[in-house]
Amino acid sequence: LDGAAAHYLLNVMRMKPGDPLLLFDDR
C-alpha cells in the first residue's frame, strides 16, 4: 500500500509491523 492508504495507516492509525488490518478486494 502506498499513497493515501499508506498515509492513513502510517500517520493517522500509527501502524507498525505486526499490527492487524482487514482487507477486501470485491473479488
PDB file of all heavy atoms in Angstrom:
ATOM      1  N   LEU A   1       0.839  -1.194   0.000  1.00  0.00           N
ATOM      2  CA  LEU A   1       0.000   0.000   0.000  1.00  0.00           C
ATOM      3  C   LEU A   1       0.869   1.237   0.000  1.00  0.00           C
ATOM      4  O   LEU A   1       1.863   1.325   0.735  1.00  0.00           O
ATOM      5  CB  LEU A   1      -0.908   0.005   1.230  1.00  0.00           C
ATOM      6  CG  LEU A   1      -1.867  -1.167   1.407  1.00  0.00           C
ATOM      7  CD1 LEU A   1      -2.709  -0.973   2.657  1.00  0.00           C
ATOM      8  CD2 LEU A   1      -2.761  -1.337   0.186  1.00  0.00           C
ATOM      9  N   ASP A   2       0.485   2.203  -0.826  1.00  0.00           N
ATOM     10  CA  ASP A   2       1.163   3.499  -0.813  1.00  0.00           C
ATOM     11  C   ASP A   2       0.115   4.585  -0.977  1.00  0.00           C
ATOM     12  O   ASP A   2      -1.079   4.329  -0.868  1.00  0.00           O
ATOM     13  CB  ASP A   2       2.245   3.574  -1.906  1.00  0.00           C
ATOM     14  CG  ASP A   2       1.692   3.252  -3.295  1.00  0.00           C
ATOM     15  OD1 ASP A   2       0.451   3.273  -3.461  1.00  0.00           O
ATOM     16  OD2 ASP A   2       2.480   2.974  -4.209  1.00  0.00           O
ATOM     17  N   GLY A   3       0.541   5.799  -1.217  1.00  0.00           N
ATOM     18  CA  GLY A   3      -0.392   6.890  -1.435  1.00  0.00           C
ATOM     19  C   GLY A   3      -1.241   7.192  -0.213  1.00  0.00           C
ATOM     20  O   GLY A   3      -0.781   7.110   0.926  1.00  0.00           O
ATOM     21  N   ALA A   4      -2.531   7.510  -0.467  1.00  0.00           N
ATOM     22  CA  ALA A   4      -3.428   7.938   0.605  1.00  0.00           C
ATOM     23  C   ALA A   4      -3.654   6.834   1.630  1.00  0.00           C
ATOM     24  O   ALA A   4      -3.729   7.101   2.836  1.00  0.00           O
ATOM     25  CB  ALA A   4      -4.761   8.389   0.008  1.00  0.00           C
ATOM     26  N   ALA A   5      -3.759   5.578   1.164  1.00  0.00           N
ATOM     27  CA  ALA A   5      -3.982   4.474   2.098  1.00  0.00           C
ATOM     28  C   ALA A   5      -2.813   4.317   3.051  1.00  0.00           C
ATOM     29  O   ALA A   5      -2.989   4.141   4.264  1.00  0.00           O
ATOM     30  CB  ALA A   5      -4.215   3.180   1.324  1.00  0.00           C
ATOM     31  N   ALA A   6      -1.600   4.383   2.516  1.00  0.00           N
ATOM     32  CA  ALA A   6      -0.413   4.265   3.371  1.00  0.00           C
ATOM     33  C   ALA A   6      -0.318   5.440   4.332  1.00  0.00           C
ATOM     34  O   ALA A   6       0.032   5.268   5.511  1.00  0.00           O
ATOM     35  CB  ALA A   6       0.838   4.179   2.510  1.00  0.00           C
ATOM     36  N   HIS A   7      -0.625   6.628   3.854  1.00  0.00           N
ATOM     37  CA  HIS A   7      -0.581   7.811   4.723  1.00  0.00           C
ATOM     38  C   HIS A   7      -1.550   7.647   5.897  1.00  0.00           C
ATOM     39  O   HIS A   7      -1.200   7.943   7.044  1.00  0.00           O
ATOM     40  CB  HIS A   7      -0.940   9.058   3.926  1.00  0.00           C
ATOM     41  CG  HIS A   7      -1.096  10.284   4.777  1.00  0.00           C
ATOM     42  ND1 HIS A   7      -0.026  11.014   5.257  1.00  0.00           N
ATOM     43  CD2 HIS A   7      -2.220  10.897   5.273  1.00  0.00           C
ATOM     44  CE1 HIS A   7      -0.469  12.015   5.995  1.00  0.00           C
ATOM     45  NE2 HIS A   7      -1.795  11.969   6.017  1.00  0.00           N
ATOM     46  N   TYR A   8      -2.743   7.152   5.607  1.00  0.00           N
ATOM     47  CA  TYR A   8      -3.748   6.957   6.657  1.00  0.00           C
ATOM     48  C   TYR A   8      -3.264   5.952   7.694  1.00  0.00           C
ATOM     49  O   TYR A   8      -3.346   6.200   8.909  1.00  0.00           O
ATOM     50  CB  TYR A   8      -5.059   6.501   6.023  1.00  0.00           C
ATOM     51  CG  TYR A   8      -6.080   6.004   7.016  1.00  0.00           C
ATOM     52  CD1 TYR A   8      -6.762   6.882   7.846  1.00  0.00           C
ATOM     53  CD2 TYR A   8      -6.359   4.641   7.125  1.00  0.00           C
ATOM     54  CE1 TYR A   8      -7.699   6.429   8.764  1.00  0.00           C
ATOM     55  CE2 TYR A   8      -7.297   4.181   8.032  1.00  0.00           C
ATOM     56  CZ  TYR A   8      -7.961   5.073   8.850  1.00  0.00           C
ATOM     57  OH  TYR A   8      -8.886   4.612   9.752  1.00  0.00           O
ATOM     58  N   LEU A   9      -2.753   4.827   7.226  1.00  0.00           N
ATOM     59  CA  LEU A   9      -2.332   3.777   8.159  1.00  0.00           C
ATOM     60  C   LEU A   9      -1.088   4.173   8.949  1.00  0.00           C
ATOM     61  O   LEU A   9      -0.978   3.874  10.149  1.00  0.00           O
ATOM     62  CB  LEU A   9      -2.077   2.476   7.398  1.00  0.00           C
ATOM     63  CG  LEU A   9      -3.308   1.836   6.747  1.00  0.00           C
ATOM     64  CD1 LEU A   9      -2.898   0.624   5.925  1.00  0.00           C
ATOM     65  CD2 LEU A   9      -4.346   1.443   7.792  1.00  0.00           C
ATOM     66  N   LEU A  10      -0.157   4.845   8.289  1.00  0.00           N
ATOM     67  CA  LEU A  10       1.107   5.184   8.955  1.00  0.00           C
ATOM     68  C   LEU A  10       0.984   6.397   9.865  1.00  0.00           C
ATOM     69  O   LEU A  10       1.479   6.388  11.000  1.00  0.00           O
ATOM     70  CB  LEU A  10       2.191   5.440   7.905  1.00  0.00           C
ATOM     71  CG  LEU A  10       2.694   4.214   7.131  1.00  0.00           C
ATOM     72  CD1 LEU A  10       3.513   4.656   5.932  1.00  0.00           C
ATOM     73  CD2 LEU A  10       3.517   3.308   8.039  1.00  0.00           C
ATOM     74  N   ASN A  11       0.312   7.429   9.374  1.00  0.00           N
ATOM     75  CA  ASN A  11       0.327   8.704  10.092  1.00  0.00           C
ATOM     76  C   ASN A  11      -0.922   8.965  10.934  1.00  0.00           C
ATOM     77  O   ASN A  11      -0.858   9.743  11.896  1.00  0.00           O
ATOM     78  CB  ASN A  11       0.510   9.852   9.095  1.00  0.00           C
ATOM     79  CG  ASN A  11       1.809   9.732   8.317  1.00  0.00           C
ATOM     80  OD1 ASN A  11       2.870   9.556   8.901  1.00  0.00           O
ATOM     81  ND2 ASN A  11       1.727   9.803   6.998  1.00  0.00           N
ATOM     82  N   VAL A  12      -2.045   8.330  10.578  1.00  0.00           N
ATOM     83  CA  VAL A  12      -3.263   8.510  11.362  1.00  0.00           C
ATOM     84  C   VAL A  12      -3.431   7.351  12.344  1.00  0.00           C
ATOM     85  O   VAL A  12      -3.640   7.561  13.546  1.00  0.00           O
ATOM     86  CB  VAL A  12      -4.503   8.628  10.448  1.00  0.00           C
ATOM     87  CG1 VAL A  12      -5.769   8.774  11.287  1.00  0.00           C
ATOM     88  CG2 VAL A  12      -4.350   9.817   9.503  1.00  0.00           C
ATOM     89  N   MET A  13      -3.324   6.121  11.840  1.00  0.00           N
ATOM     90  CA  MET A  13      -3.505   4.940  12.689  1.00  0.00           C
ATOM     91  C   MET A  13      -2.210   4.522  13.389  1.00  0.00           C
ATOM     92  O   MET A  13      -2.238   3.685  14.294  1.00  0.00           O
ATOM     93  CB  MET A  13      -4.042   3.777  11.848  1.00  0.00           C
ATOM     94  CG  MET A  13      -5.383   4.047  11.195  1.00  0.00           C
ATOM     95  SD  MET A  13      -6.680   4.515  12.378  1.00  0.00           S
ATOM     96  CE  MET A  13      -6.800   3.032  13.375  1.00  0.00           C
ATOM     97  N   ARG A  14      -1.064   5.083  12.969  1.00  0.00           N
ATOM     98  CA  ARG A  14       0.235   4.790  13.591  1.00  0.00           C
ATOM     99  C   ARG A  14       0.538   3.290  13.587  1.00  0.00           C
ATOM    100  O   ARG A  14       0.997   2.727  14.573  1.00  0.00           O
ATOM    101  CB  ARG A  14       0.273   5.318  15.041  1.00  0.00           C
ATOM    102  CG  ARG A  14      -0.012   6.797  15.183  1.00  0.00           C
ATOM    103  CD  ARG A  14       1.100   7.613  14.603  1.00  0.00           C
ATOM    104  NE  ARG A  14       0.879   9.059  14.799  1.00  0.00           N
ATOM    105  CZ  ARG A  14       1.687  10.000  14.329  1.00  0.00           C
ATOM    106  NH1 ARG A  14       2.762   9.668  13.637  1.00  0.00           N
ATOM    107  NH2 ARG A  14       1.425  11.273  14.532  1.00  0.00           N
ATOM    108  N   MET A  15       0.289   2.643  12.452  1.00  0.00           N
ATOM    109  CA  MET A  15       0.507   1.207  12.382  1.00  0.00           C
ATOM    110  C   MET A  15       1.981   0.869  12.235  1.00  0.00           C
ATOM    111  O   MET A  15       2.757   1.629  11.644  1.00  0.00           O
ATOM    112  CB  MET A  15      -0.300   0.613  11.224  1.00  0.00           C
ATOM    113  CG  MET A  15      -1.799   0.787  11.377  1.00  0.00           C
ATOM    114  SD  MET A  15      -2.765  -0.291  10.297  1.00  0.00           S
ATOM    115  CE  MET A  15      -2.527  -1.862  11.123  1.00  0.00           C
ATOM    116  N   LYS A  16       2.354  -0.282  12.763  1.00  0.00           N
ATOM    117  CA  LYS A  16       3.753  -0.749  12.747  1.00  0.00           C
ATOM    118  C   LYS A  16       3.763  -2.241  12.446  1.00  0.00           C
ATOM    119  O   LYS A  16       2.708  -2.897  12.481  1.00  0.00           O
ATOM    120  CB  LYS A  16       4.417  -0.448  14.079  1.00  0.00           C
ATOM    121  CG  LYS A  16       3.731  -1.062  15.282  1.00  0.00           C
ATOM    122  CD  LYS A  16       4.369  -0.582  16.570  1.00  0.00           C
ATOM    123  CE  LYS A  16       3.747  -1.256  17.793  1.00  0.00           C
ATOM    124  NZ  LYS A  16       2.307  -0.976  17.907  1.00  0.00           N
ATOM    125  N   PRO A  17       4.922  -2.829  12.118  1.00  0.00           N
ATOM    126  CA  PRO A  17       4.970  -4.262  11.815  1.00  0.00           C
ATOM    127  C   PRO A  17       4.322  -5.116  12.897  1.00  0.00           C
ATOM    128  O   PRO A  17       4.521  -4.890  14.091  1.00  0.00           O
ATOM    129  CB  PRO A  17       6.479  -4.531  11.711  1.00  0.00           C
ATOM    130  CG  PRO A  17       7.037  -3.232  11.208  1.00  0.00           C
ATOM    131  CD  PRO A  17       6.226  -2.167  11.904  1.00  0.00           C
ATOM    132  N   GLY A  18       3.515  -6.062  12.436  1.00  0.00           N
ATOM    133  CA  GLY A  18       2.791  -6.952  13.337  1.00  0.00           C
ATOM    134  C   GLY A  18       1.363  -6.533  13.609  1.00  0.00           C
ATOM    135  O   GLY A  18       0.554  -7.346  14.079  1.00  0.00           O
ATOM    136  N   ASP A  19       1.015  -5.281  13.324  1.00  0.00           N
ATOM    137  CA  ASP A  19      -0.346  -4.808  13.567  1.00  0.00           C
ATOM    138  C   ASP A  19      -1.316  -5.408  12.548  1.00  0.00           C
ATOM    139  O   ASP A  19      -0.977  -5.572  11.368  1.00  0.00           O
ATOM    140  CB  ASP A  19      -0.409  -3.280  13.482  1.00  0.00           C
ATOM    141  CG  ASP A  19       0.219  -2.606  14.694  1.00  0.00           C
ATOM    142  OD1 ASP A  19       0.492  -3.313  15.681  1.00  0.00           O
ATOM    143  OD2 ASP A  19       0.443  -1.385  14.641  1.00  0.00           O
ATOM    144  N   PRO A  20      -2.553  -5.724  12.972  1.00  0.00           N
ATOM    145  CA  PRO A  20      -3.527  -6.341  12.063  1.00  0.00           C
ATOM    146  C   PRO A  20      -4.359  -5.306  11.318  1.00  0.00           C
ATOM    147  O   PRO A  20      -4.543  -4.175  11.771  1.00  0.00           O
ATOM    148  CB  PRO A  20      -4.407  -7.145  13.012  1.00  0.00           C
ATOM    149  CG  PRO A  20      -4.431  -6.313  14.265  1.00  0.00           C
ATOM    150  CD  PRO A  20      -3.054  -5.681  14.369  1.00  0.00           C
ATOM    151  N   LEU A  21      -4.879  -5.727  10.185  1.00  0.00           N
ATOM    152  CA  LEU A  21      -5.880  -4.952   9.461  1.00  0.00           C
ATOM    153  C   LEU A  21      -6.691  -5.909   8.603  1.00  0.00           C
ATOM    154  O   LEU A  21      -6.258  -7.027   8.307  1.00  0.00           O
ATOM    155  CB  LEU A  21      -5.256  -3.843   8.622  1.00  0.00           C
ATOM    156  CG  LEU A  21      -4.399  -4.210   7.415  1.00  0.00           C
ATOM    157  CD1 LEU A  21      -4.271  -3.000   6.496  1.00  0.00           C
ATOM    158  CD2 LEU A  21      -2.996  -4.639   7.837  1.00  0.00           C
ATOM    159  N   LEU A  22      -7.893  -5.478   8.226  1.00  0.00           N
ATOM    160  CA  LEU A  22      -8.784  -6.273   7.398  1.00  0.00           C
ATOM    161  C   LEU A  22      -8.808  -5.688   5.992  1.00  0.00           C
ATOM    162  O   LEU A  22      -8.877  -4.466   5.819  1.00  0.00           O
ATOM    163  CB  LEU A  22     -10.198  -6.288   7.985  1.00  0.00           C
ATOM    164  CG  LEU A  22     -10.346  -7.007   9.331  1.00  0.00           C
ATOM    165  CD1 LEU A  22     -11.711  -6.716   9.941  1.00  0.00           C
ATOM    166  CD2 LEU A  22     -10.146  -8.511   9.167  1.00  0.00           C
ATOM    167  N   LEU A  23      -8.758  -6.557   5.005  1.00  0.00           N
ATOM    168  CA  LEU A  23      -8.742  -6.145   3.612  1.00  0.00           C
ATOM    169  C   LEU A  23      -9.874  -6.833   2.858  1.00  0.00           C
ATOM    170  O   LEU A  23     -10.231  -7.976   3.162  1.00  0.00           O
ATOM    171  CB  LEU A  23      -7.413  -6.518   2.951  1.00  0.00           C
ATOM    172  CG  LEU A  23      -6.122  -6.049   3.627  1.00  0.00           C
ATOM    173  CD1 LEU A  23      -4.925  -6.641   2.900  1.00  0.00           C
ATOM    174  CD2 LEU A  23      -6.039  -4.531   3.657  1.00  0.00           C
ATOM    175  N   PHE A  24     -10.431  -6.147   1.871  1.00  0.00           N
ATOM    176  CA  PHE A  24     -11.371  -6.796   0.960  1.00  0.00           C
ATOM    177  C   PHE A  24     -11.103  -6.278  -0.445  1.00  0.00           C
ATOM    178  O   PHE A  24     -10.659  -5.139  -0.631  1.00  0.00           O
ATOM    179  CB  PHE A  24     -12.828  -6.578   1.385  1.00  0.00           C
ATOM    180  CG  PHE A  24     -13.308  -5.148   1.322  1.00  0.00           C
ATOM    181  CD1 PHE A  24     -14.129  -4.717   0.291  1.00  0.00           C
ATOM    182  CD2 PHE A  24     -12.961  -4.232   2.309  1.00  0.00           C
ATOM    183  CE1 PHE A  24     -14.590  -3.406   0.239  1.00  0.00           C
ATOM    184  CE2 PHE A  24     -13.415  -2.920   2.265  1.00  0.00           C
ATOM    185  CZ  PHE A  24     -14.233  -2.509   1.227  1.00  0.00           C
ATOM    186  N   ASP A  25     -11.344  -7.136  -1.428  1.00  0.00           N
ATOM    187  CA  ASP A  25     -10.937  -6.827  -2.798  1.00  0.00           C
ATOM    188  C   ASP A  25     -12.077  -6.826  -3.807  1.00  0.00           C
ATOM    189  O   ASP A  25     -11.826  -6.723  -5.008  1.00  0.00           O
ATOM    190  CB  ASP A  25      -9.853  -7.808  -3.260  1.00  0.00           C
ATOM    191  CG  ASP A  25     -10.328  -9.261  -3.207  1.00  0.00           C
ATOM    192  OD1 ASP A  25     -11.493  -9.499  -2.838  1.00  0.00           O
ATOM    193  OD2 ASP A  25      -9.513 -10.155  -3.531  1.00  0.00           O
ATOM    194  N   ASP A  26     -13.337  -6.992  -3.360  1.00  0.00           N
ATOM    195  CA  ASP A  26     -14.508  -7.063  -4.237  1.00  0.00           C
ATOM    196  C   ASP A  26     -14.450  -8.283  -5.152  1.00  0.00           C
ATOM    197  O   ASP A  26     -15.151  -8.343  -6.155  1.00  0.00           O
ATOM    198  CB  ASP A  26     -14.652  -5.787  -5.077  1.00  0.00           C
ATOM    199  CG  ASP A  26     -16.028  -5.658  -5.711  1.00  0.00           C
ATOM    200  OD1 ASP A  26     -17.002  -6.161  -5.120  1.00  0.00           O
ATOM    201  OD2 ASP A  26     -16.135  -5.084  -6.821  1.00  0.00           O
ATOM    202  N   ARG A  27     -13.581  -9.228  -4.820  1.00  0.00           N
ATOM    203  CA  ARG A  27     -13.455 -10.441  -5.624  1.00  0.00           C
ATOM    204  C   ARG A  27     -13.627 -11.693  -4.770  1.00  0.00           C
ATOM    205  O   ARG A  27     -14.401 -12.584  -5.115  1.00  0.00           O
ATOM    206  CB  ARG A  27     -12.080 -10.498  -6.295  1.00  0.00           C
ATOM    207  CG  ARG A  27     -11.749  -9.335  -7.235  1.00  0.00           C
ATOM    208  CD  ARG A  27     -10.290  -9.430  -7.661  1.00  0.00           C
ATOM    209  NE  ARG A  27      -9.890  -8.408  -8.612  1.00  0.00           N
ATOM    210  CZ  ARG A  27      -9.401  -7.215  -8.282  1.00  0.00           C
ATOM    211  NH1 ARG A  27      -9.273  -6.895  -6.995  1.00  0.00           N
ATOM    212  NH2 ARG A  27      -9.038  -6.346  -9.209  1.00  0.00           N
TER     213      ARG A  27
END
